[in-house]
Amino acid sequence: MTVIRHGVNQSKGSGQKALPFAKAAEADGWLYVSGQTPMINGEVIDGGIVAQSHQAIKNVIGILEEAGYTTADIVRIGVWLDDSRDFWSFNEVFAGYFGDNPPARACVQSAMVVDCKVEVDCIAYRKTS
């Protein structure tokens, strides 16, 4: 089995510091996307849970697409919310991306490592030839 690591040395955290992990790792058709916060160019975007949820999900989708996957390939999504009161607002944003064919999902309340309201990761599968 070969493991392909996508985006190594390309991720930047707060203050433009390089992050020591791959954006995603792929093996035998499975793609594991690292947790994505609502950052653009290494900085958390302004805005509340709705804006930050959109950006975190867009970051996940961008990594999926770079690796040749689509949202239809997502099997499971993990969500961390800084404040459990944001659950319904996050759900509304989430539904806009996944509609009638949502993946499995876990959602927990957790303190964030960076100053943001949400983090999202995913596992996707695409049958290999």
Protein backbone atom coordinates (compact mmCIF):
# COMPACT_ATOMS: atom_id res chain seq x y z
CA MET A 1 0.00 0.00 0.00
CA THR A 2 1.24 3.45 -0.91
CA VAL A 3 0.40 6.49 1.16
CA ILE A 4 0.24 9.81 -0.67
CA ARG A 5 0.54 12.89 1.49
CA HIS A 6 -1.11 16.00 0.05
CA GLY A 7 -0.07 19.51 0.96
CA VAL A 8 2.99 18.74 3.07
CA ASN A 9 4.78 21.98 3.99
CA GLN A 10 1.95 24.00 2.41
CA SER A 11 -0.24 24.61 5.45
CA LYS A 12 0.29 27.79 7.42
CA GLY A 13 -1.09 28.50 10.86
CA SER A 14 -1.45 31.75 12.74
CA GLY A 15 1.45 34.08 12.14
CA GLN A 16 2.30 32.23 8.90
CA LYS A 17 4.04 29.44 10.83
CA ALA A 18 4.42 26.20 8.87
CA LEU A 19 2.31 23.36 10.24
CA PRO A 20 4.05 19.97 10.68
CA PHE A 21 1.43 17.76 9.03
CA ALA A 22 -0.14 16.99 5.65
CA LYS A 23 -3.37 18.66 4.58
CA ALA A 24 -4.55 15.14 3.70
CA ALA A 25 -3.26 11.58 3.43
CA GLU A 26 -4.52 9.08 0.85
CA ALA A 27 -4.28 5.29 0.85
CA ASP A 28 -6.16 2.63 -1.15
CA GLY A 29 -8.90 5.07 -2.19
CA TRP A 30 -9.34 6.57 1.29
CA LEU A 31 -8.57 10.24 1.87
CA TYR A 32 -8.17 11.58 5.40
CA VAL A 33 -8.40 15.39 5.46
CA SER A 34 -6.77 17.13 8.43
CA GLY A 35 -8.89 19.41 10.57
CA GLN A 36 -9.61 22.73 8.87
CA THR A 37 -10.28 25.94 10.71
CA PRO A 38 -11.78 29.05 9.11
CA MET A 39 -8.43 30.43 7.94
CA ILE A 40 -7.37 32.17 4.77
CA ASN A 41 -3.62 32.60 4.28
CA GLY A 42 -2.93 31.50 7.86
CA GLU A 43 -5.31 33.93 9.54
CA VAL A 44 -8.72 33.19 11.06
CA ILE A 45 -11.42 35.13 9.22
CA ASP A 46 -13.58 37.69 10.96
CA GLY A 47 -17.21 36.86 11.56
CA GLY A 48 -19.43 34.62 13.60
CA ILE A 49 -20.24 30.96 13.39
CA VAL A 50 -21.97 31.20 9.99
CA ALA A 51 -19.06 32.86 8.18
CA GLN A 52 -16.51 30.66 9.94
CA SER A 53 -18.47 27.47 9.19
CA HIS A 54 -18.60 28.33 5.49
CA GLN A 55 -14.84 28.95 5.41
CA ALA A 56 -13.91 25.78 7.29
CA ILE A 57 -16.09 23.67 4.97
CA LYS A 58 -14.71 25.46 1.88
CA ASN A 59 -11.19 24.69 3.10
CA VAL A 60 -12.07 20.98 3.38
CA ILE A 61 -13.66 20.99 -0.08
CA GLY A 62 -10.60 22.70 -1.57
CA ILE A 63 -8.33 19.98 -0.22
CA LEU A 64 -10.70 17.26 -1.46
CA GLU A 65 -10.69 18.77 -4.95
CA GLU A 66 -6.89 19.16 -5.00
CA ALA A 67 -6.68 15.41 -4.30
CA GLY A 68 -9.25 14.57 -7.01
CA TYR A 69 -12.21 13.88 -4.73
CA THR A 70 -15.65 15.54 -4.45
CA THR A 71 -18.17 16.08 -1.67
CA ALA A 72 -20.01 13.00 -2.98
CA ASP A 73 -16.97 10.95 -1.90
CA ILE A 74 -17.16 12.08 1.75
CA VAL A 75 -18.05 9.19 4.06
CA ARG A 76 -17.72 10.97 7.42
CA ILE A 77 -17.20 14.49 8.72
CA GLY A 78 -15.98 15.46 12.17
CA VAL A 79 -16.98 18.84 13.61
CA TRP A 80 -15.67 20.66 16.67
CA LEU A 81 -17.63 23.68 17.90
CA ASP A 82 -16.22 26.11 20.43
CA ASP A 83 -19.74 26.85 21.71
CA SER A 84 -22.49 24.21 21.68
CA ARG A 85 -25.06 26.98 21.20
CA ASP A 86 -23.74 27.27 17.62
CA PHE A 87 -24.97 23.75 16.78
CA TRP A 88 -28.12 24.79 14.87
CA SER A 89 -26.40 27.61 13.00
CA PHE A 90 -23.66 25.18 11.93
CA ASN A 91 -26.30 22.64 10.85
CA GLU A 92 -27.93 25.21 8.58
CA VAL A 93 -24.61 25.95 6.85
CA PHE A 94 -23.75 22.24 6.68
CA ALA A 95 -27.08 21.40 5.00
CA GLY A 96 -26.33 23.95 2.30
CA TYR A 97 -23.27 21.95 1.24
CA PHE A 98 -24.56 18.40 1.66
CA GLY A 99 -28.36 18.66 1.22
CA ASP A 100 -30.11 15.38 0.54
CA ASN A 101 -26.93 13.25 0.58
CA PRO A 102 -25.12 14.10 3.80
CA PRO A 103 -22.22 12.01 5.06
CA ALA A 104 -22.10 10.50 8.52
CA ARG A 105 -21.03 13.10 11.08
CA ALA A 106 -19.86 13.55 14.64
CA CYS A 107 -20.14 16.97 16.27
CA VAL A 108 -18.67 17.84 19.67
CA GLN A 109 -18.09 20.92 21.76
CA SER A 110 -14.42 21.56 22.42
CA ALA A 111 -12.04 24.37 23.27
CA MET A 112 -10.16 25.40 20.13
CA VAL A 113 -6.39 25.51 19.77
CA VAL A 114 -6.70 28.69 17.67
CA ASP A 115 -9.12 31.57 18.25
CA CYS A 116 -11.99 30.33 16.08
CA LYS A 117 -15.48 28.92 16.47
CA VAL A 118 -15.30 25.72 14.40
CA GLU A 119 -13.00 23.05 12.98
CA VAL A 120 -13.96 20.42 10.39
CA ASP A 121 -12.21 17.30 9.10
CA CYS A 122 -13.38 14.45 6.89
CA ILE A 123 -12.77 10.98 5.55
CA ALA A 124 -13.58 10.34 1.89
CA TYR A 125 -13.47 7.24 -0.29
CA ARG A 126 -13.13 6.83 -4.04
CA LYS A 127 -12.79 3.41 -5.60
CA THR A 128 -9.36 2.99 -7.14
CA SER A 129 -8.89 1.44 -10.58
